[in-house]
Amino acid sequence: MEIEQLITPDCVFCAVPAKSKKRILQVISQYAAKQLGQTEIQEQDILDALLAREKLGSTGIGQGIALPHGRLNCNKSLALLLTSDEAIDYDAIDNAPVKVFFALLAPESECQDHLKSLALIAEKLSDKTVLKSVKNAITNQELYQAITN
C-alpha cells in the first residue's frame, strides 16, 4: 500500500491554529466529520473515539509527531494530515511538543487494515527527509506533496 491510497489532497491542513491537545483533537474531529459528511452529533462521536484512544496512552510517538486514531461505526476509513501553527504539549513519549498530526479513523470491523495503515504512516514519517519537508510546509499543497513524495 502506498501513502496516496490513504490520504487525499482535501484531507491535508497546514498551520492549523490550536494551542492544546484537546483543541487539536476537536479540530481533527471537525475536519473528519466534514469529510465523512456527518452531523455535529457524529463529530462528537469522532472526538470521543480519539479521546478514548488517548486515555489508553498518548499517540504522540516522538520527534514532534502524533498519530491520533480511533475506530468508528462508519463505512470507510479516513486519514487526515495536519500541522499546527505552534507545537503543542501532547504528552508524547519523548516529552517533546507535537506539530505533525496524522489522524486515522477506521470502521470498527477493519482492525487489520487499521494497523497496517498506522504502520505505513509511522514508517513514512520516520524518514527524516519526509518529516523535515512536512514540518517546513507552509501550504496545504506543499504538505500533501511532502507526505506523498
N, C-alpha and C. Protein backbone atom coordinates (compact mmCIF):
# COMPACT_ATOMS: atom_id res chain seq x y z
N MET A 1 0.85 -1.18 0.00
CA MET A 1 0.00 0.00 0.00
C MET A 1 0.89 1.24 0.00
N GLU A 2 0.47 2.23 -0.74
CA GLU A 2 1.18 3.50 -0.80
C GLU A 2 0.41 4.55 0.00
N ILE A 3 1.11 5.57 0.45
CA ILE A 3 0.50 6.63 1.27
C ILE A 3 -0.61 7.35 0.50
N GLU A 4 -0.48 7.44 -0.82
CA GLU A 4 -1.51 8.10 -1.64
C GLU A 4 -2.85 7.37 -1.58
N GLN A 5 -2.83 6.09 -1.23
CA GLN A 5 -4.07 5.33 -1.10
C GLN A 5 -4.78 5.67 0.22
N LEU A 6 -4.06 6.27 1.14
CA LEU A 6 -4.64 6.63 2.44
C LEU A 6 -5.16 8.05 2.49
N ILE A 7 -4.42 8.96 1.89
CA ILE A 7 -4.72 10.38 2.08
C ILE A 7 -4.91 11.09 0.74
N THR A 8 -5.85 12.01 0.73
CA THR A 8 -6.14 12.79 -0.47
C THR A 8 -5.80 14.26 -0.19
N PRO A 9 -5.60 15.06 -1.25
CA PRO A 9 -5.23 16.46 -1.03
C PRO A 9 -6.25 17.26 -0.20
N ASP A 10 -7.52 16.87 -0.24
CA ASP A 10 -8.52 17.61 0.52
C ASP A 10 -8.57 17.21 2.00
N CYS A 11 -7.67 16.32 2.41
CA CYS A 11 -7.60 15.90 3.81
C CYS A 11 -6.28 16.32 4.46
N VAL A 12 -5.68 17.37 3.91
CA VAL A 12 -4.39 17.88 4.40
C VAL A 12 -4.58 19.35 4.77
N PHE A 13 -4.14 19.70 6.00
CA PHE A 13 -4.38 21.04 6.53
C PHE A 13 -3.11 21.55 7.21
N CYS A 14 -2.59 22.64 6.69
CA CYS A 14 -1.32 23.18 7.14
C CYS A 14 -1.54 24.35 8.11
N ALA A 15 -0.73 24.40 9.16
CA ALA A 15 -0.70 25.52 10.12
C ALA A 15 -2.06 25.79 10.77
N VAL A 16 -2.69 24.73 11.26
CA VAL A 16 -3.98 24.85 11.93
C VAL A 16 -3.78 25.53 13.28
N PRO A 17 -4.59 26.53 13.60
CA PRO A 17 -4.46 27.16 14.91
C PRO A 17 -5.03 26.26 16.01
N ALA A 18 -4.18 25.85 16.92
CA ALA A 18 -4.60 25.04 18.07
C ALA A 18 -3.52 25.17 19.14
N LYS A 19 -3.94 25.32 20.37
CA LYS A 19 -2.98 25.55 21.46
C LYS A 19 -2.90 24.39 22.46
N SER A 20 -3.79 23.39 22.31
CA SER A 20 -3.80 22.29 23.28
C SER A 20 -4.12 20.97 22.58
N LYS A 21 -3.84 19.89 23.28
CA LYS A 21 -4.12 18.56 22.77
C LYS A 21 -5.62 18.40 22.51
N LYS A 22 -6.43 18.81 23.45
CA LYS A 22 -7.87 18.67 23.27
C LYS A 22 -8.35 19.48 22.07
N ARG A 23 -7.82 20.69 21.90
CA ARG A 23 -8.26 21.53 20.79
C ARG A 23 -7.88 20.93 19.44
N ILE A 24 -6.67 20.38 19.32
CA ILE A 24 -6.28 19.79 18.03
C ILE A 24 -7.14 18.57 17.73
N LEU A 25 -7.50 17.81 18.75
CA LEU A 25 -8.39 16.66 18.54
C LEU A 25 -9.79 17.12 18.13
N GLN A 26 -10.24 18.25 18.67
CA GLN A 26 -11.53 18.81 18.24
C GLN A 26 -11.47 19.24 16.78
N VAL A 27 -10.38 19.88 16.40
CA VAL A 27 -10.21 20.32 15.01
C VAL A 27 -10.19 19.11 14.07
N ILE A 28 -9.46 18.09 14.45
CA ILE A 28 -9.42 16.86 13.66
C ILE A 28 -10.83 16.29 13.50
N SER A 29 -11.59 16.28 14.58
CA SER A 29 -12.96 15.76 14.56
C SER A 29 -13.85 16.58 13.63
N GLN A 30 -13.68 17.89 13.67
CA GLN A 30 -14.47 18.76 12.79
C GLN A 30 -14.16 18.48 11.32
N TYR A 31 -12.88 18.43 10.98
CA TYR A 31 -12.48 18.16 9.60
C TYR A 31 -12.95 16.77 9.16
N ALA A 32 -12.81 15.80 10.05
CA ALA A 32 -13.22 14.43 9.72
C ALA A 32 -14.72 14.35 9.47
N ALA A 33 -15.50 15.00 10.31
CA ALA A 33 -16.96 14.98 10.13
C ALA A 33 -17.34 15.60 8.79
N LYS A 34 -16.68 16.67 8.40
CA LYS A 34 -16.96 17.29 7.10
C LYS A 34 -16.62 16.33 5.96
N GLN A 35 -15.48 15.66 6.07
CA GLN A 35 -15.07 14.73 5.02
C GLN A 35 -15.99 13.52 4.92
N LEU A 36 -16.48 13.07 6.07
CA LEU A 36 -17.37 11.91 6.09
C LEU A 36 -18.82 12.30 5.83
N GLY A 37 -19.11 13.61 5.78
CA GLY A 37 -20.47 14.07 5.56
C GLY A 37 -21.37 13.83 6.76
N GLN A 38 -20.80 13.98 7.94
CA GLN A 38 -21.53 13.68 9.17
C GLN A 38 -22.12 14.93 9.81
N THR A 39 -22.97 14.72 10.80
CA THR A 39 -23.58 15.81 11.56
C THR A 39 -22.76 16.10 12.80
N GLU A 40 -23.12 17.14 13.52
CA GLU A 40 -22.38 17.51 14.73
C GLU A 40 -22.39 16.40 15.78
N ILE A 41 -23.49 15.69 15.90
CA ILE A 41 -23.53 14.59 16.87
C ILE A 41 -22.45 13.58 16.53
N GLN A 42 -22.29 13.28 15.26
CA GLN A 42 -21.26 12.34 14.86
C GLN A 42 -19.86 12.94 14.99
N GLU A 43 -19.77 14.25 14.88
CA GLU A 43 -18.49 14.92 15.15
C GLU A 43 -18.06 14.62 16.59
N GLN A 44 -19.02 14.66 17.50
CA GLN A 44 -18.75 14.35 18.90
C GLN A 44 -18.33 12.88 19.05
N ASP A 45 -18.92 11.99 18.27
CA ASP A 45 -18.54 10.58 18.30
C ASP A 45 -17.09 10.40 17.87
N ILE A 46 -16.67 11.17 16.87
CA ILE A 46 -15.28 11.11 16.41
C ILE A 46 -14.35 11.58 17.53
N LEU A 47 -14.70 12.70 18.14
CA LEU A 47 -13.88 13.22 19.25
C LEU A 47 -13.83 12.21 20.39
N ASP A 48 -14.96 11.62 20.71
CA ASP A 48 -15.00 10.62 21.79
C ASP A 48 -14.09 9.44 21.49
N ALA A 49 -14.07 8.99 20.23
CA ALA A 49 -13.22 7.87 19.84
C ALA A 49 -11.74 8.24 19.97
N LEU A 50 -11.39 9.45 19.54
CA LEU A 50 -10.00 9.90 19.66
C LEU A 50 -9.58 10.04 21.12
N LEU A 51 -10.45 10.63 21.94
CA LEU A 51 -10.14 10.81 23.36
C LEU A 51 -10.06 9.46 24.09
N ALA A 52 -10.93 8.53 23.72
CA ALA A 52 -10.89 7.20 24.35
C ALA A 52 -9.56 6.52 24.06
N ARG A 53 -9.07 6.66 22.83
CA ARG A 53 -7.78 6.06 22.49
C ARG A 53 -6.64 6.74 23.25
N GLU A 54 -6.72 8.06 23.40
CA GLU A 54 -5.68 8.78 24.15
C GLU A 54 -5.64 8.36 25.61
N LYS A 55 -6.78 7.98 26.17
CA LYS A 55 -6.81 7.52 27.57
C LYS A 55 -6.02 6.24 27.75
N LEU A 56 -5.89 5.44 26.69
CA LEU A 56 -5.11 4.21 26.76
C LEU A 56 -3.61 4.50 26.76
N GLY A 57 -3.24 5.66 26.28
CA GLY A 57 -1.85 6.07 26.18
C GLY A 57 -1.73 7.08 25.06
N SER A 58 -0.83 8.00 25.22
CA SER A 58 -0.67 9.05 24.22
C SER A 58 -0.28 8.47 22.86
N THR A 59 -0.85 9.05 21.82
CA THR A 59 -0.48 8.66 20.46
C THR A 59 0.64 9.55 19.94
N GLY A 60 1.24 10.34 20.82
CA GLY A 60 2.43 11.12 20.48
C GLY A 60 3.62 10.18 20.42
N ILE A 61 4.15 9.94 19.21
CA ILE A 61 5.18 8.91 19.03
C ILE A 61 6.60 9.46 19.07
N GLY A 62 6.74 10.76 19.31
CA GLY A 62 8.06 11.35 19.38
C GLY A 62 8.42 12.11 18.12
N GLN A 63 9.50 12.90 18.20
CA GLN A 63 10.01 13.71 17.10
C GLN A 63 8.97 14.71 16.58
N GLY A 64 8.06 15.14 17.46
CA GLY A 64 7.07 16.13 17.06
C GLY A 64 5.89 15.58 16.28
N ILE A 65 5.67 14.25 16.39
CA ILE A 65 4.63 13.57 15.62
C ILE A 65 3.62 12.91 16.56
N ALA A 66 2.33 13.01 16.19
CA ALA A 66 1.28 12.25 16.86
C ALA A 66 0.45 11.54 15.81
N LEU A 67 -0.02 10.35 16.15
CA LEU A 67 -0.87 9.56 15.27
C LEU A 67 -2.22 9.30 15.96
N PRO A 68 -3.02 10.34 16.18
CA PRO A 68 -4.31 10.11 16.81
C PRO A 68 -5.17 9.22 15.92
N HIS A 69 -5.82 8.25 16.52
CA HIS A 69 -6.63 7.33 15.73
C HIS A 69 -7.76 6.76 16.57
N GLY A 70 -8.74 6.24 15.86
CA GLY A 70 -9.87 5.63 16.53
C GLY A 70 -10.69 4.83 15.55
N ARG A 71 -11.54 3.99 16.12
CA ARG A 71 -12.42 3.17 15.30
C ARG A 71 -13.85 3.65 15.54
N LEU A 72 -14.60 3.71 14.45
CA LEU A 72 -15.95 4.26 14.48
C LEU A 72 -16.94 3.31 13.82
N ASN A 73 -18.19 3.57 14.08
CA ASN A 73 -19.26 2.87 13.39
C ASN A 73 -19.51 3.62 12.08
N CYS A 74 -18.60 3.41 11.11
CA CYS A 74 -18.69 4.09 9.82
C CYS A 74 -18.36 3.09 8.73
N ASN A 75 -18.52 3.51 7.48
CA ASN A 75 -18.35 2.61 6.35
C ASN A 75 -16.98 2.64 5.70
N LYS A 76 -16.21 3.72 5.94
CA LYS A 76 -14.93 3.83 5.26
C LYS A 76 -13.89 4.45 6.18
N SER A 77 -12.64 4.18 5.87
CA SER A 77 -11.53 4.77 6.62
C SER A 77 -11.29 6.19 6.13
N LEU A 78 -10.70 6.98 7.00
CA LEU A 78 -10.36 8.35 6.66
C LEU A 78 -9.05 8.71 7.32
N ALA A 79 -8.15 9.29 6.54
CA ALA A 79 -6.87 9.77 7.07
C ALA A 79 -6.81 11.27 6.85
N LEU A 80 -6.27 11.98 7.85
CA LEU A 80 -6.08 13.42 7.75
C LEU A 80 -4.68 13.74 8.24
N LEU A 81 -4.03 14.67 7.57
CA LEU A 81 -2.72 15.15 8.00
C LEU A 81 -2.84 16.63 8.30
N LEU A 82 -2.45 17.00 9.51
CA LEU A 82 -2.48 18.39 9.92
C LEU A 82 -1.14 18.77 10.52
N THR A 83 -0.78 20.02 10.34
CA THR A 83 0.30 20.60 11.13
C THR A 83 -0.33 21.74 11.92
N SER A 84 0.16 21.96 13.12
CA SER A 84 -0.35 23.06 13.93
C SER A 84 0.54 24.29 13.71
N ASP A 85 -0.04 25.46 13.93
CA ASP A 85 0.74 26.68 13.74
C ASP A 85 1.84 26.80 14.78
N GLU A 86 1.63 26.19 15.95
CA GLU A 86 2.64 26.14 17.01
C GLU A 86 2.69 24.72 17.55
N ALA A 87 3.85 24.29 18.02
CA ALA A 87 3.96 22.97 18.62
C ALA A 87 3.13 22.91 19.90
N ILE A 88 2.51 21.76 20.14
CA ILE A 88 1.55 21.57 21.23
C ILE A 88 2.07 20.53 22.22
N ASP A 89 1.88 20.79 23.51
CA ASP A 89 2.19 19.79 24.52
C ASP A 89 1.17 18.67 24.35
N TYR A 90 1.64 17.48 24.03
CA TYR A 90 0.76 16.37 23.66
C TYR A 90 1.02 15.11 24.49
N ASP A 91 1.87 15.21 25.49
CA ASP A 91 2.25 14.04 26.30
C ASP A 91 2.90 12.95 25.45
N ALA A 92 3.71 13.37 24.49
CA ALA A 92 4.40 12.41 23.62
C ALA A 92 5.41 11.59 24.41
N ILE A 93 5.78 10.44 23.87
CA ILE A 93 6.67 9.54 24.60
C ILE A 93 8.04 10.16 24.87
N ASP A 94 8.46 11.12 24.05
CA ASP A 94 9.74 11.79 24.28
C ASP A 94 9.57 13.14 24.98
N ASN A 95 8.35 13.44 25.40
CA ASN A 95 8.00 14.69 26.09
C ASN A 95 8.20 15.94 25.24
N ALA A 96 8.48 15.77 23.96
CA ALA A 96 8.64 16.91 23.06
C ALA A 96 7.26 17.38 22.57
N PRO A 97 7.11 18.67 22.33
CA PRO A 97 5.83 19.15 21.78
C PRO A 97 5.62 18.61 20.37
N VAL A 98 4.36 18.58 19.95
CA VAL A 98 3.98 17.98 18.68
C VAL A 98 3.46 19.03 17.72
N LYS A 99 3.87 18.91 16.47
CA LYS A 99 3.44 19.83 15.41
C LYS A 99 2.80 19.10 14.23
N VAL A 100 3.06 17.80 14.10
CA VAL A 100 2.56 17.00 12.98
C VAL A 100 1.56 15.97 13.52
N PHE A 101 0.36 15.99 12.95
CA PHE A 101 -0.72 15.11 13.40
C PHE A 101 -1.27 14.35 12.19
N PHE A 102 -1.05 13.05 12.18
CA PHE A 102 -1.59 12.21 11.11
C PHE A 102 -2.67 11.37 11.76
N ALA A 103 -3.92 11.74 11.52
CA ALA A 103 -5.06 11.08 12.16
C ALA A 103 -5.63 10.00 11.24
N LEU A 104 -6.06 8.92 11.86
CA LEU A 104 -6.65 7.82 11.11
C LEU A 104 -7.91 7.36 11.82
N LEU A 105 -9.00 7.33 11.08
CA LEU A 105 -10.27 6.83 11.58
C LEU A 105 -10.67 5.65 10.71
N ALA A 106 -11.09 4.57 11.34
CA ALA A 106 -11.40 3.36 10.58
C ALA A 106 -12.68 2.72 11.11
N PRO A 107 -13.36 1.98 10.25
CA PRO A 107 -14.53 1.23 10.71
C PRO A 107 -14.12 0.22 11.78
N GLU A 108 -15.00 -0.02 12.71
CA GLU A 108 -14.72 -0.95 13.80
C GLU A 108 -14.35 -2.34 13.29
N SER A 109 -14.85 -2.71 12.12
CA SER A 109 -14.63 -4.06 11.58
C SER A 109 -13.28 -4.23 10.87
N GLU A 110 -12.53 -3.16 10.70
CA GLU A 110 -11.29 -3.23 9.91
C GLU A 110 -10.03 -3.14 10.76
N CYS A 111 -9.89 -4.02 11.69
CA CYS A 111 -8.75 -3.98 12.62
C CYS A 111 -7.41 -4.16 11.90
N GLN A 112 -7.29 -5.17 11.05
CA GLN A 112 -6.02 -5.44 10.37
C GLN A 112 -5.60 -4.30 9.44
N ASP A 113 -6.54 -3.80 8.64
CA ASP A 113 -6.22 -2.69 7.74
C ASP A 113 -5.83 -1.45 8.52
N HIS A 114 -6.50 -1.23 9.65
CA HIS A 114 -6.22 -0.08 10.52
C HIS A 114 -4.77 -0.16 11.01
N LEU A 115 -4.35 -1.32 11.48
CA LEU A 115 -2.99 -1.49 11.99
C LEU A 115 -1.95 -1.35 10.87
N LYS A 116 -2.25 -1.88 9.69
CA LYS A 116 -1.34 -1.75 8.55
C LYS A 116 -1.19 -0.29 8.15
N SER A 117 -2.29 0.44 8.17
CA SER A 117 -2.25 1.86 7.82
C SER A 117 -1.42 2.65 8.82
N LEU A 118 -1.59 2.38 10.10
CA LEU A 118 -0.79 3.06 11.13
C LEU A 118 0.69 2.77 10.93
N ALA A 119 1.02 1.53 10.63
CA ALA A 119 2.43 1.16 10.40
C ALA A 119 3.00 1.90 9.19
N LEU A 120 2.21 2.00 8.12
CA LEU A 120 2.65 2.70 6.92
C LEU A 120 2.91 4.18 7.22
N ILE A 121 2.02 4.80 7.96
CA ILE A 121 2.17 6.22 8.32
C ILE A 121 3.43 6.41 9.17
N ALA A 122 3.61 5.57 10.18
CA ALA A 122 4.78 5.68 11.06
C ALA A 122 6.07 5.50 10.26
N GLU A 123 6.06 4.54 9.34
CA GLU A 123 7.26 4.31 8.52
C GLU A 123 7.55 5.53 7.64
N LYS A 124 6.54 6.09 7.02
CA LYS A 124 6.73 7.25 6.15
C LYS A 124 7.30 8.43 6.94
N LEU A 125 6.74 8.68 8.12
CA LEU A 125 7.19 9.82 8.93
C LEU A 125 8.52 9.58 9.63
N SER A 126 8.98 8.34 9.64
CA SER A 126 10.29 8.06 10.24
C SER A 126 11.43 8.46 9.30
N ASP A 127 11.11 8.72 8.03
CA ASP A 127 12.09 9.21 7.07
C ASP A 127 12.37 10.68 7.40
N LYS A 128 13.60 10.97 7.79
CA LYS A 128 13.94 12.33 8.25
C LYS A 128 13.72 13.39 7.18
N THR A 129 13.95 13.04 5.92
CA THR A 129 13.75 13.99 4.83
C THR A 129 12.27 14.31 4.68
N VAL A 130 11.43 13.28 4.73
CA VAL A 130 9.98 13.48 4.62
C VAL A 130 9.49 14.32 5.80
N LEU A 131 9.92 13.96 7.00
CA LEU A 131 9.47 14.67 8.19
C LEU A 131 9.88 16.14 8.14
N LYS A 132 11.08 16.42 7.71
CA LYS A 132 11.54 17.81 7.60
C LYS A 132 10.67 18.58 6.60
N SER A 133 10.38 17.97 5.47
CA SER A 133 9.53 18.60 4.45
C SER A 133 8.12 18.85 4.99
N VAL A 134 7.59 17.89 5.72
CA VAL A 134 6.25 18.03 6.31
C VAL A 134 6.25 19.20 7.29
N LYS A 135 7.24 19.25 8.16
CA LYS A 135 7.30 20.31 9.17
C LYS A 135 7.52 21.69 8.55
N ASN A 136 8.21 21.74 7.41
CA ASN A 136 8.52 23.02 6.77
C ASN A 136 7.46 23.49 5.78
N ALA A 137 6.48 22.66 5.48
CA ALA A 137 5.43 23.03 4.52
C ALA A 137 4.65 24.24 5.03
N ILE A 138 4.32 25.15 4.12
CA ILE A 138 3.56 26.34 4.53
C ILE A 138 2.20 26.44 3.85
N THR A 139 1.91 25.52 2.93
CA THR A 139 0.59 25.47 2.31
C THR A 139 0.08 24.03 2.35
N ASN A 140 -1.22 23.87 2.18
CA ASN A 140 -1.79 22.53 2.13
C ASN A 140 -1.18 21.71 0.99
N GLN A 141 -0.99 22.35 -0.15
CA GLN A 141 -0.42 21.66 -1.31
C GLN A 141 1.01 21.20 -1.02
N GLU A 142 1.82 22.06 -0.41
CA GLU A 142 3.19 21.67 -0.05
C GLU A 142 3.18 20.51 0.94
N LEU A 143 2.24 20.54 1.87
CA LEU A 143 2.14 19.48 2.88
C LEU A 143 1.79 18.16 2.21
N TYR A 144 0.84 18.18 1.30
CA TYR A 144 0.46 16.96 0.59
C TYR A 144 1.64 16.43 -0.23
N GLN A 145 2.34 17.31 -0.92
CA GLN A 145 3.50 16.88 -1.71
C GLN A 145 4.59 16.30 -0.80
N ALA A 146 4.76 16.90 0.36
CA ALA A 146 5.80 16.43 1.29
C ALA A 146 5.52 14.99 1.76
N ILE A 147 4.27 14.69 2.03
CA ILE A 147 3.96 13.35 2.55
C ILE A 147 3.87 12.31 1.43
N THR A 148 3.58 12.74 0.21
CA THR A 148 3.41 11.75 -0.87
C THR A 148 4.65 11.56 -1.72
N ASN A 149 5.66 12.42 -1.59
CA ASN A 149 6.90 12.25 -2.38
C ASN A 149 7.75 11.15 -1.81
